[in-house]
PDB file of N, CA and C in Angstrom:
ATOM      1  N   UNK A   1     198.171 134.609  20.057  1.00  0.00           N
ATOM      2  CA  UNK A   1     199.206 134.886  19.302  1.00  0.00           C
ATOM      3  C   UNK A   1     200.298 135.781  20.035  1.00  0.00           C
ATOM      4  N   UNK A   2     199.863 136.541  20.833  1.00  0.00           N
ATOM      5  CA  UNK A   2     200.807 137.498  21.489  1.00  0.00           C
ATOM      6  C   UNK A   2     201.527 136.833  22.568  1.00  0.00           C
ATOM      7  N   UNK A   3     200.752 135.773  23.160  1.00  0.00           N
ATOM      8  CA  UNK A   3     201.559 135.119  24.277  1.00  0.00           C
ATOM      9  C   UNK A   3     202.801 134.345  23.561  1.00  0.00           C
ATOM     10  N   UNK A   4     202.571 133.643  22.599  1.00  0.00           N
ATOM     11  CA  UNK A   4     203.639 132.943  21.901  1.00  0.00           C
ATOM     12  C   UNK A   4     204.727 134.028  21.556  1.00  0.00           C
ATOM     13  N   UNK A   5     204.509 135.137  20.865  1.00  0.00           N
ATOM     14  CA  UNK A   5     205.687 136.084  20.687  1.00  0.00           C
ATOM     15  C   UNK A   5     206.423 136.486  21.741  1.00  0.00           C
ATOM     16  N   UNK A   6     205.469 136.729  23.027  1.00  0.00           N
ATOM     17  CA  UNK A   6     206.199 136.985  24.194  1.00  0.00           C
ATOM     18  C   UNK A   6     207.191 135.959  24.630  1.00  0.00           C
ATOM     19  N   UNK A   7     206.695 134.725  24.715  1.00  0.00           N
ATOM     20  CA  UNK A   7     207.412 133.494  25.064  1.00  0.00           C
ATOM     21  C   UNK A   7     208.590 133.366  24.210  1.00  0.00           C
ATOM     22  N   UNK A   8     208.772 133.416  22.972  1.00  0.00           N
ATOM     23  CA  UNK A   8     209.923 133.517  22.040  1.00  0.00           C
ATOM     24  C   UNK A   8     210.792 134.587  22.469  1.00  0.00           C
ATOM     25  N   UNK A   9     210.394 135.851  22.580  1.00  0.00           N
ATOM     26  CA  UNK A   9     211.332 136.985  22.880  1.00  0.00           C
ATOM     27  C   UNK A   9     211.918 137.167  24.260  1.00  0.00           C
ATOM     28  N   UNK A  10     211.197 136.360  25.205  1.00  0.00           N
ATOM     29  CA  UNK A  10     211.801 136.383  26.745  1.00  0.00           C
ATOM     30  C   UNK A  10     213.326 136.000  26.728  1.00  0.00           C
ATOM     31  N   UNK A  11     213.560 134.783  26.016  1.00  0.00           N
ATOM     32  CA  UNK A  11     214.966 134.361  26.254  1.00  0.00           C
ATOM     33  C   UNK A  11     215.799 135.415  25.745  1.00  0.00           C
ATOM     34  N   UNK A  12     215.639 135.962  24.483  1.00  0.00           N
ATOM     35  CA  UNK A  12     216.422 136.951  23.935  1.00  0.00           C
ATOM     36  C   UNK A  12     216.737 138.220  24.865  1.00  0.00           C
ATOM     37  N   UNK A  13     215.567 138.563  25.536  1.00  0.00           N
ATOM     38  CA  UNK A  13     215.791 139.796  26.651  1.00  0.00           C
ATOM     39  C   UNK A  13     216.652 139.504  27.626  1.00  0.00           C
ATOM     40  N   UNK A  14     216.451 138.060  28.102  1.00  0.00           N
ATOM     41  CA  UNK A  14     217.113 137.689  29.318  1.00  0.00           C
ATOM     42  C   UNK A  14     218.755 137.654  28.914  1.00  0.00           C
ATOM     43  N   UNK A  15     218.985 137.286  27.628  1.00  0.00           N
ATOM     44  CA  UNK A  15     220.510 137.222  27.351  1.00  0.00           C
ATOM     45  C   UNK A  15     221.010 138.538  27.271  1.00  0.00           C
ATOM     46  N   UNK A  16     220.109 139.533  26.563  1.00  0.00           N
ATOM     47  CA  UNK A  16     220.594 140.813  26.431  1.00  0.00           C
ATOM     48  C   UNK A  16     220.994 141.656  27.682  1.00  0.00           C
ATOM     49  N   UNK A  17     220.060 141.122  28.681  1.00  0.00           N
ATOM     50  CA  UNK A  17     220.273 141.787  30.037  1.00  0.00           C
ATOM     51  C   UNK A  17     221.525 141.285  30.858  1.00  0.00           C
ATOM     52  N   UNK A  18     221.792 140.064  30.772  1.00  0.00           N
ATOM     53  CA  UNK A  18     223.059 139.387  31.064  1.00  0.00           C
ATOM     54  C   UNK A  18     224.194 139.883  30.437  1.00  0.00           C
ATOM     55  N   UNK A  19     224.345 140.218  29.021  1.00  0.00           N
ATOM     56  CA  UNK A  19     225.315 140.782  28.677  1.00  0.00           C
ATOM     57  C   UNK A  19     225.514 142.334  29.114  1.00  0.00           C
ATOM     58  N   UNK A  20     224.438 143.003  29.399  1.00  0.00           N
ATOM     59  CA  UNK A  20     224.928 144.349  29.698  1.00  0.00           C
ATOM     60  C   UNK A  20     225.166 144.548  31.204  1.00  0.00           C
ATOM     61  N   UNK A  21     224.848 143.165  31.924  1.00  0.00           N
ATOM     62  CA  UNK A  21     225.143 143.401  33.382  1.00  0.00           C
ATOM     63  C   UNK A  21     226.736 143.220  33.726  1.00  0.00           C
ATOM     64  N   UNK A  22     227.487 142.910  32.675  1.00  0.00           N
ATOM     65  CA  UNK A  22     228.871 142.854  33.143  1.00  0.00           C
ATOM     66  C   UNK A  22     229.600 143.582  32.163  1.00  0.00           C
ATOM     67  N   UNK A  23     229.384 144.909  31.919  1.00  0.00           N
ATOM     68  CA  UNK A  23     230.164 145.820  31.124  1.00  0.00           C
ATOM     69  C   UNK A  23     231.807 145.682  31.257  1.00  0.00           C
ATOM     70  N   UNK A  24     232.364 145.672  30.182  1.00  0.00           N
ATOM     71  CA  UNK A  24     233.920 145.834  30.236  1.00  0.00           C
ATOM     72  C   UNK A  24     234.587 144.675  30.715  1.00  0.00           C
ATOM     73  N   UNK A  25     233.882 143.482  30.783  1.00  0.00           N
ATOM     74  CA  UNK A  25     234.446 141.986  31.254  1.00  0.00           C
ATOM     75  C   UNK A  25     235.770 141.880  30.391  1.00  0.00           C
ATOM     76  N   UNK A  26     235.854 141.986  29.130  1.00  0.00           N
ATOM     77  CA  UNK A  26     237.129 141.526  28.484  1.00  0.00           C
ATOM     78  C   UNK A  26     237.871 142.710  28.061  1.00  0.00           C
ATOM     79  N   UNK A  27     237.616 144.088  28.486  1.00  0.00           N
ATOM     80  CA  UNK A  27     238.409 145.156  28.042  1.00  0.00           C
ATOM     81  C   UNK A  27     239.670 145.099  28.622  1.00  0.00           C
ATOM     82  N   UNK A  28     240.593 145.963  28.066  1.00  0.00           N
ATOM     83  CA  UNK A  28     241.921 145.954  28.611  1.00  0.00           C
ATOM     84  C   UNK A  28     242.024 146.770  29.813  1.00  0.00           C
ATOM     85  N   UNK A  29     242.747 146.265  30.794  1.00  0.00           N
ATOM     86  CA  UNK A  29     242.897 147.020  31.998  1.00  0.00           C
ATOM     87  C   UNK A  29     244.257 147.704  31.870  1.00  0.00           C
ATOM     88  N   UNK A  30     244.475 148.591  32.988  1.00  0.00           N
ATOM     89  CA  UNK A  30     245.936 149.349  32.860  1.00  0.00           C
ATOM     90  C   UNK A  30     247.116 148.495  33.677  1.00  0.00           C
ATOM     91  N   UNK A  31     246.635 147.914  34.787  1.00  0.00           N
ATOM     92  CA  UNK A  31     247.711 147.113  35.541  1.00  0.00           C
ATOM     93  C   UNK A  31     247.239 145.687  35.876  1.00  0.00           C
ATOM     94  N   UNK A  32     248.169 145.167  36.524  1.00  0.00           N
ATOM     95  CA  UNK A  32     247.929 143.962  36.897  1.00  0.00           C
ATOM     96  C   UNK A  32     248.642 143.803  38.477  1.00  0.00           C
ATOM     97  N   UNK A  33     247.658 144.018  39.622  1.00  0.00           N
ATOM     98  CA  UNK A  33     248.063 144.193  40.982  1.00  0.00           C
ATOM     99  C   UNK A  33     248.656 142.947  41.769  1.00  0.00           C
ATOM    100  N   UNK A  34     247.857 142.154  42.050  1.00  0.00           N
ATOM    101  CA  UNK A  34     248.219 140.862  42.609  1.00  0.00           C
ATOM    102  C   UNK A  34     247.956 139.461  42.002  1.00  0.00           C
ATOM    103  N   UNK A  35     247.703 139.758  40.651  1.00  0.00           N
ATOM    104  CA  UNK A  35     247.555 138.354  39.933  1.00  0.00           C
ATOM    105  C   UNK A  35     248.875 138.244  39.259  1.00  0.00           C
ATOM    106  N   UNK A  36     249.176 137.165  38.296  1.00  0.00           N
ATOM    107  CA  UNK A  36     250.098 137.015  37.478  1.00  0.00           C
ATOM    108  C   UNK A  36     249.971 137.539  36.226  1.00  0.00           C
ATOM    109  N   UNK A  37     250.842 138.365  35.735  1.00  0.00           N
ATOM    110  CA  UNK A  37     251.083 138.758  34.362  1.00  0.00           C
ATOM    111  C   UNK A  37     251.528 137.946  33.488  1.00  0.00           C
ATOM    112  N   UNK A  38     250.807 137.483  32.430  1.00  0.00           N
ATOM    113  CA  UNK A  38     251.191 136.661  31.442  1.00  0.00           C
ATOM    114  C   UNK A  38     251.186 136.981  29.987  1.00  0.00           C
ATOM    115  N   UNK A  39     251.643 136.525  29.192  1.00  0.00           N
ATOM    116  CA  UNK A  39     251.831 136.411  27.706  1.00  0.00           C
ATOM    117  C   UNK A  39     251.100 135.194  27.114  1.00  0.00           C
ATOM    118  N   UNK A  40     249.793 135.262  26.641  1.00  0.00           N
ATOM    119  CA  UNK A  40     249.288 133.930  26.284  1.00  0.00           C
ATOM    120  C   UNK A  40     249.001 134.018  24.969  1.00  0.00           C
ATOM    121  N   UNK A  41     249.085 132.737  24.308  1.00  0.00           N
ATOM    122  CA  UNK A  41     249.051 132.384  22.840  1.00  0.00           C
ATOM    123  C   UNK A  41     247.277 132.548  22.314  1.00  0.00           C
ATOM    124  N   UNK A  42     246.649 132.096  23.226  1.00  0.00           N
ATOM    125  CA  UNK A  42     245.034 132.110  23.237  1.00  0.00           C
ATOM    126  C   UNK A  42     244.338 132.382  24.368  1.00  0.00           C
ATOM    127  N   UNK A  43     243.177 133.123  24.186  1.00  0.00           N
ATOM    128  CA  UNK A  43     242.287 133.361  25.397  1.00  0.00           C
ATOM    129  C   UNK A  43     240.863 133.035  25.030  1.00  0.00           C
ATOM    130  N   UNK A  44     240.188 132.602  25.880  1.00  0.00           N
ATOM    131  CA  UNK A  44     238.727 132.286  25.672  1.00  0.00           C
ATOM    132  C   UNK A  44     237.713 132.955  26.599  1.00  0.00           C
ATOM    133  N   UNK A  45     236.557 133.138  26.073  1.00  0.00           N
ATOM    134  CA  UNK A  45     235.515 133.724  27.187  1.00  0.00           C
ATOM    135  C   UNK A  45     235.178 132.367  28.034  1.00  0.00           C
ATOM    136  N   UNK A  46     235.112 132.723  29.352  1.00  0.00           N
ATOM    137  CA  UNK A  46     234.787 131.655  30.311  1.00  0.00           C
ATOM    138  C   UNK A  46     233.255 131.357  30.249  1.00  0.00           C
ATOM    139  N   UNK A  47     232.936 130.558  29.174  1.00  0.00           N
ATOM    140  CA  UNK A  47     231.762 129.958  29.121  1.00  0.00           C
ATOM    141  C   UNK A  47     231.673 128.627  28.696  1.00  0.00           C
ATOM    142  N   UNK A  48     230.654 128.047  28.325  1.00  0.00           N
ATOM    143  CA  UNK A  48     230.616 126.605  28.079  1.00  0.00           C
ATOM    144  C   UNK A  48     231.337 126.414  26.743  1.00  0.00           C
ATOM    145  N   UNK A  49     231.300 127.516  25.790  1.00  0.00           N
ATOM    146  CA  UNK A  49     232.155 126.967  24.402  1.00  0.00           C
ATOM    147  C   UNK A  49     233.729 127.372  24.751  1.00  0.00           C
ATOM    148  N   UNK A  50     233.950 128.215  25.625  1.00  0.00           N
ATOM    149  CA  UNK A  50     235.403 128.201  25.796  1.00  0.00           C
ATOM    150  C   UNK A  50     236.056 127.180  26.473  1.00  0.00           C
ATOM    151  N   UNK A  51     235.191 126.496  27.404  1.00  0.00           N
ATOM    152  CA  UNK A  51     235.739 125.304  28.259  1.00  0.00           C
ATOM    153  C   UNK A  51     235.802 124.207  27.180  1.00  0.00           C
ATOM    154  N   UNK A  52     234.762 124.039  26.275  1.00  0.00           N
ATOM    155  CA  UNK A  52     234.680 122.983  25.302  1.00  0.00           C
ATOM    156  C   UNK A  52     236.006 123.089  24.371  1.00  0.00           C
ATOM    157  N   UNK A  53     236.302 124.545  23.940  1.00  0.00           N
ATOM    158  CA  UNK A  53     237.496 124.559  23.232  1.00  0.00           C
ATOM    159  C   UNK A  53     238.727 124.070  23.767  1.00  0.00           C
ATOM    160  N   UNK A  54     238.888 124.582  24.987  1.00  0.00           N
ATOM    161  CA  UNK A  54     240.065 124.109  25.774  1.00  0.00           C
ATOM    162  C   UNK A  54     240.196 122.626  25.791  1.00  0.00           C
ATOM    163  N   UNK A  55     238.984 122.036  26.336  1.00  0.00           N
ATOM    164  CA  UNK A  55     239.167 120.549  26.326  1.00  0.00           C
ATOM    165  C   UNK A  55     239.373 119.912  25.108  1.00  0.00           C
ATOM    166  N   UNK A  56     238.890 120.282  23.869  1.00  0.00           N
ATOM    167  CA  UNK A  56     239.400 119.990  22.601  1.00  0.00           C
ATOM    168  C   UNK A  56     240.928 120.084  22.227  1.00  0.00           C
ATOM    169  N   UNK A  57     241.265 121.128  22.555  1.00  0.00           N
ATOM    170  CA  UNK A  57     242.723 121.421  22.296  1.00  0.00           C
ATOM    171  C   UNK A  57     243.616 120.787  23.178  1.00  0.00           C
ATOM    172  N   UNK A  58     243.599 120.865  24.655  1.00  0.00           N
ATOM    173  CA  UNK A  58     244.432 120.430  25.590  1.00  0.00           C
ATOM    174  C   UNK A  58     244.006 119.036  26.138  1.00  0.00           C
ATOM    175  N   UNK A  59     242.605 118.627  26.055  1.00  0.00           N
ATOM    176  CA  UNK A  59     242.082 117.489  26.686  1.00  0.00           C
ATOM    177  C   UNK A  59     242.012 117.398  28.272  1.00  0.00           C
ATOM    178  N   UNK A  60     241.920 118.748  28.666  1.00  0.00           N
ATOM    179  CA  UNK A  60     241.782 118.810  30.096  1.00  0.00           C
ATOM    180  C   UNK A  60     240.443 119.662  30.475  1.00  0.00           C
ATOM    181  N   UNK A  61     239.880 119.423  31.604  1.00  0.00           N
ATOM    182  CA  UNK A  61     238.693 119.921  32.127  1.00  0.00           C
ATOM    183  C   UNK A  61     239.007 121.045  32.766  1.00  0.00           C
ATOM    184  N   UNK A  62     238.240 122.323  32.451  1.00  0.00           N
ATOM    185  CA  UNK A  62     238.600 123.369  33.467  1.00  0.00           C
ATOM    186  C   UNK A  62     237.524 123.514  34.522  1.00  0.00           C
ATOM    187  N   UNK A  63     237.904 123.327  35.872  1.00  0.00           N
ATOM    188  CA  UNK A  63     237.037 123.181  36.950  1.00  0.00           C
ATOM    189  C   UNK A  63     237.840 123.832  38.359  1.00  0.00           C
ATOM    190  N   UNK A  64     237.434 124.874  38.892  1.00  0.00           N
ATOM    191  CA  UNK A  64     236.298 125.754  38.485  1.00  0.00           C
ATOM    192  C   UNK A  64     236.585 126.723  37.452  1.00  0.00           C
ATOM    193  N   UNK A  65     235.471 127.089  36.829  1.00  0.00           N
ATOM    194  CA  UNK A  65     235.512 128.088  35.529  1.00  0.00           C
ATOM    195  C   UNK A  65     235.442 129.490  36.167  1.00  0.00           C
ATOM    196  N   UNK A  66     236.424 130.353  36.140  1.00  0.00           N
ATOM    197  CA  UNK A  66     236.373 131.666  36.720  1.00  0.00           C
ATOM    198  C   UNK A  66     236.808 132.508  35.747  1.00  0.00           C
ATOM    199  N   UNK A  67     235.959 133.464  35.308  1.00  0.00           N
ATOM    200  CA  UNK A  67     236.244 134.646  34.183  1.00  0.00           C
ATOM    201  C   UNK A  67     236.534 135.770  34.689  1.00  0.00           C
ATOM    202  N   UNK A  68     236.733 136.610  33.757  1.00  0.00           N
ATOM    203  CA  UNK A  68     235.951 136.823  32.372  1.00  0.00           C
ATOM    204  C   UNK A  68     236.646 135.994  31.421  1.00  0.00           C
ATOM    205  N   UNK A  69     238.069 135.615  31.495  1.00  0.00           N
ATOM    206  CA  UNK A  69     238.691 134.965  30.412  1.00  0.00           C
ATOM    207  C   UNK A  69     239.613 133.730  30.965  1.00  0.00           C
ATOM    208  N   UNK A  70     239.546 132.821  30.139  1.00  0.00           N
ATOM    209  CA  UNK A  70     240.397 131.614  30.397  1.00  0.00           C
ATOM    210  C   UNK A  70     241.498 131.741  29.383  1.00  0.00           C
ATOM    211  N   UNK A  71     242.911 131.330  29.673  1.00  0.00           N
ATOM    212  CA  UNK A  71     243.982 131.437  28.757  1.00  0.00           C
ATOM    213  C   UNK A  71     244.812 130.219  28.654  1.00  0.00           C
ATOM    214  N   UNK A  72     245.372 129.745  27.508  1.00  0.00           N
ATOM    215  CA  UNK A  72     246.443 128.681  27.421  1.00  0.00           C
ATOM    216  C   UNK A  72     247.651 129.298  26.701  1.00  0.00           C
ATOM    217  N   UNK A  73     248.582 128.311  26.851  1.00  0.00           N
ATOM    218  CA  UNK A  73     249.925 128.551  26.156  1.00  0.00           C
ATOM    219  C   UNK A  73     250.492 129.737  26.660  1.00  0.00           C
ATOM    220  N   UNK A  74     250.586 129.845  27.974  1.00  0.00           N
ATOM    221  CA  UNK A  74     251.102 131.287  28.582  1.00  0.00           C
ATOM    222  C   UNK A  74     252.735 130.982  29.043  1.00  0.00           C
ATOM    223  N   UNK A  75     253.257 132.174  29.050  1.00  0.00           N
ATOM    224  CA  UNK A  75     254.443 132.329  29.625  1.00  0.00           C
ATOM    225  C   UNK A  75     254.448 133.546  30.180  1.00  0.00           C
ATOM    226  N   UNK A  76     255.518 133.693  31.201  1.00  0.00           N
ATOM    227  CA  UNK A  76     255.676 134.994  31.866  1.00  0.00           C
ATOM    228  C   UNK A  76     255.867 136.266  31.061  1.00  0.00           C
ATOM    229  N   UNK A  77     255.352 137.224  31.478  1.00  0.00           N
ATOM    230  CA  UNK A  77     255.397 138.394  30.669  1.00  0.00           C
ATOM    231  C   UNK A  77     256.754 139.073  30.909  1.00  0.00           C
ATOM    232  N   UNK A  78     257.667 139.485  29.808  1.00  0.00           N
ATOM    233  CA  UNK A  78     258.935 139.773  30.279  1.00  0.00           C
ATOM    234  C   UNK A  78     259.206 141.302  29.391  1.00  0.00           C
ATOM    235  N   UNK A  79     258.156 142.045  29.074  1.00  0.00           N
ATOM    236  CA  UNK A  79     258.417 143.108  28.594  1.00  0.00           C
ATOM    237  C   UNK A  79     257.697 143.232  27.201  1.00  0.00           C
ATOM    238  N   UNK A  80     257.510 142.489  26.436  1.00  0.00           N
ATOM    239  CA  UNK A  80     256.876 142.295  24.969  1.00  0.00           C
ATOM    240  C   UNK A  80     256.063 141.039  24.978  1.00  0.00           C
ATOM    241  N   UNK A  81     254.879 141.165  24.473  1.00  0.00           N
ATOM    242  CA  UNK A  81     254.186 139.906  24.058  1.00  0.00           C
ATOM    243  C   UNK A  81     253.637 139.850  22.675  1.00  0.00           C
ATOM    244  N   UNK A  82     253.710 138.785  21.894  1.00  0.00           N
ATOM    245  CA  UNK A  82     253.359 138.531  20.484  1.00  0.00           C
ATOM    246  C   UNK A  82     251.675 138.052  20.675  1.00  0.00           C
ATOM    247  N   UNK A  83     251.342 137.410  21.829  1.00  0.00           N
ATOM    248  CA  UNK A  83     250.017 137.161  22.070  1.00  0.00           C
ATOM    249  C   UNK A  83     249.314 138.042  22.675  1.00  0.00           C
ATOM    250  N   UNK A  84     248.491 137.546  23.744  1.00  0.00           N
ATOM    251  CA  UNK A  84     247.610 138.317  24.468  1.00  0.00           C
ATOM    252  C   UNK A  84     247.971 138.742  25.820  1.00  0.00           C
ATOM    253  N   UNK A  85     248.333 139.792  26.431  1.00  0.00           N
ATOM    254  CA  UNK A  85     248.788 140.140  27.743  1.00  0.00           C
ATOM    255  C   UNK A  85     247.585 140.112  28.517  1.00  0.00           C
ATOM    256  N   UNK A  86     247.647 139.024  29.634  1.00  0.00           N
ATOM    257  CA  UNK A  86     246.634 139.117  30.462  1.00  0.00           C
ATOM    258  C   UNK A  86     246.956 139.020  31.919  1.00  0.00           C
ATOM    259  N   UNK A  87     246.164 139.161  32.819  1.00  0.00           N
ATOM    260  CA  UNK A  87     246.414 139.137  34.153  1.00  0.00           C
ATOM    261  C   UNK A  87     245.594 138.052  34.836  1.00  0.00           C
ATOM    262  N   UNK A  88     246.181 136.975  35.446  1.00  0.00           N
ATOM    263  CA  UNK A  88     245.076 135.866  35.833  1.00  0.00           C
ATOM    264  C   UNK A  88     245.243 135.594  37.278  1.00  0.00           C
ATOM    265  N   UNK A  89     244.174 134.932  37.787  1.00  0.00           N
ATOM    266  CA  UNK A  89     244.045 134.695  39.169  1.00  0.00           C
ATOM    267  C   UNK A  89     244.820 133.673  39.415  1.00  0.00           C
ATOM    268  N   UNK A  90     244.791 132.423  38.762  1.00  0.00           N
ATOM    269  CA  UNK A  90     245.577 131.173  39.156  1.00  0.00           C
ATOM    270  C   UNK A  90     245.635 130.148  37.772  1.00  0.00           C
ATOM    271  N   UNK A  91     246.554 129.068  37.846  1.00  0.00           N
ATOM    272  CA  UNK A  91     246.747 128.134  36.884  1.00  0.00           C
ATOM    273  C   UNK A  91     246.018 126.850  37.263  1.00  0.00           C
ATOM    274  N   UNK A  92     245.545 126.139  36.201  1.00  0.00           N
ATOM    275  CA  UNK A  92     245.183 124.725  36.528  1.00  0.00           C
ATOM    276  C   UNK A  92     245.807 123.679  35.512  1.00  0.00           C
ATOM    277  N   UNK A  93     245.929 122.491  35.946  1.00  0.00           N
ATOM    278  CA  UNK A  93     246.358 121.257  35.235  1.00  0.00           C
ATOM    279  C   UNK A  93     247.907 121.569  34.949  1.00  0.00           C
ATOM    280  N   UNK A  94     248.576 121.737  36.094  1.00  0.00           N
ATOM    281  CA  UNK A  94     250.025 122.164  36.004  1.00  0.00           C
ATOM    282  C   UNK A  94     250.274 123.526  35.112  1.00  0.00           C
ATOM    283  N   UNK A  95     249.302 124.454  35.324  1.00  0.00           N
ATOM    284  CA  UNK A  95     249.360 125.720  34.591  1.00  0.00           C
ATOM    285  C   UNK A  95     249.376 125.590  33.249  1.00  0.00           C
ATOM    286  N   UNK A  96     248.667 124.474  32.559  1.00  0.00           N
ATOM    287  CA  UNK A  96     248.225 124.536  31.349  1.00  0.00           C
ATOM    288  C   UNK A  96     247.244 125.536  31.043  1.00  0.00           C
ATOM    289  N   UNK A  97     246.340 125.645  31.948  1.00  0.00           N
ATOM    290  CA  UNK A  97     244.987 126.797  31.611  1.00  0.00           C
ATOM    291  C   UNK A  97     245.184 127.684  32.777  1.00  0.00           C
ATOM    292  N   UNK A  98     244.960 128.870  32.513  1.00  0.00           N
ATOM    293  CA  UNK A  98     244.871 129.981  33.599  1.00  0.00           C
ATOM    294  C   UNK A  98     243.517 130.417  33.647  1.00  0.00           C
ATOM    295  N   UNK A  99     242.852 130.778  34.720  1.00  0.00           N
ATOM    296  CA  UNK A  99     241.754 131.097  34.918  1.00  0.00           C
ATOM    297  C   UNK A  99     241.502 132.481  35.593  1.00  0.00           C
ATOM    298  N   UNK A 100     240.379 133.246  35.576  1.00  0.00           N
ATOM    299  CA  UNK A 100     240.285 134.409  36.235  1.00  0.00           C
ATOM    300  C   UNK A 100     241.178 135.353  35.422  1.00  0.00           C
ATOM    301  N   UNK A 101     241.275 135.454  34.188  1.00  0.00           N
ATOM    302  CA  UNK A 101     241.987 136.433  33.647  1.00  0.00           C
ATOM    303  C   UNK A 101     241.406 137.517  33.115  1.00  0.00           C
ATOM    304  N   UNK A 102     242.075 138.624  32.961  1.00  0.00           N
ATOM    305  CA  UNK A 102     241.751 139.906  32.331  1.00  0.00           C
ATOM    306  C   UNK A 102     242.532 140.496  31.372  1.00  0.00           C
ATOM    307  N   UNK A 103     242.246 141.103  30.276  1.00  0.00           N
ATOM    308  CA  UNK A 103     243.121 141.804  29.306  1.00  0.00           C
ATOM    309  C   UNK A 103     243.801 142.910  29.840  1.00  0.00           C
ATOM    310  N   UNK A 104     244.989 142.974  29.801  1.00  0.00           N
ATOM    311  CA  UNK A 104     245.597 144.330  30.486  1.00  0.00           C
ATOM    312  C   UNK A 104     246.458 144.927  29.332  1.00  0.00           C
ATOM    313  N   UNK A 105     246.844 146.128  29.426  1.00  0.00           N
ATOM    314  CA  UNK A 105     247.607 147.008  28.416  1.00  0.00           C
ATOM    315  C   UNK A 105     248.831 146.578  28.829  1.00  0.00           C
ATOM    316  N   UNK A 106     249.673 146.210  27.821  1.00  0.00           N
ATOM    317  CA  UNK A 106     251.132 145.822  28.155  1.00  0.00           C
ATOM    318  C   UNK A 106     251.806 147.088  28.215  1.00  0.00           C
TER     319      UNK A 106
END
């Protein structure tokens, strides 16, 4: 019985350790140094669920997936933002999707 319990708890511990391995992945940063500062209507965690949501909304595949965030419906940041202000590494699908995004304090 002990072996079965351990076998069931192992995946839970593995996921918890992965979550703790990347602290602050989606916390707001103070500035945007060499990346593009954008105002985006929606952001998604760069995981399977986030990629699936973008595919359902826009019909495009994100490849490669670069995190911690993915963003869609973005415009250049011009001083104020109603959506989420992010700093992104690059755009895909004619800039319909931005990858390598981090929240930033506007």
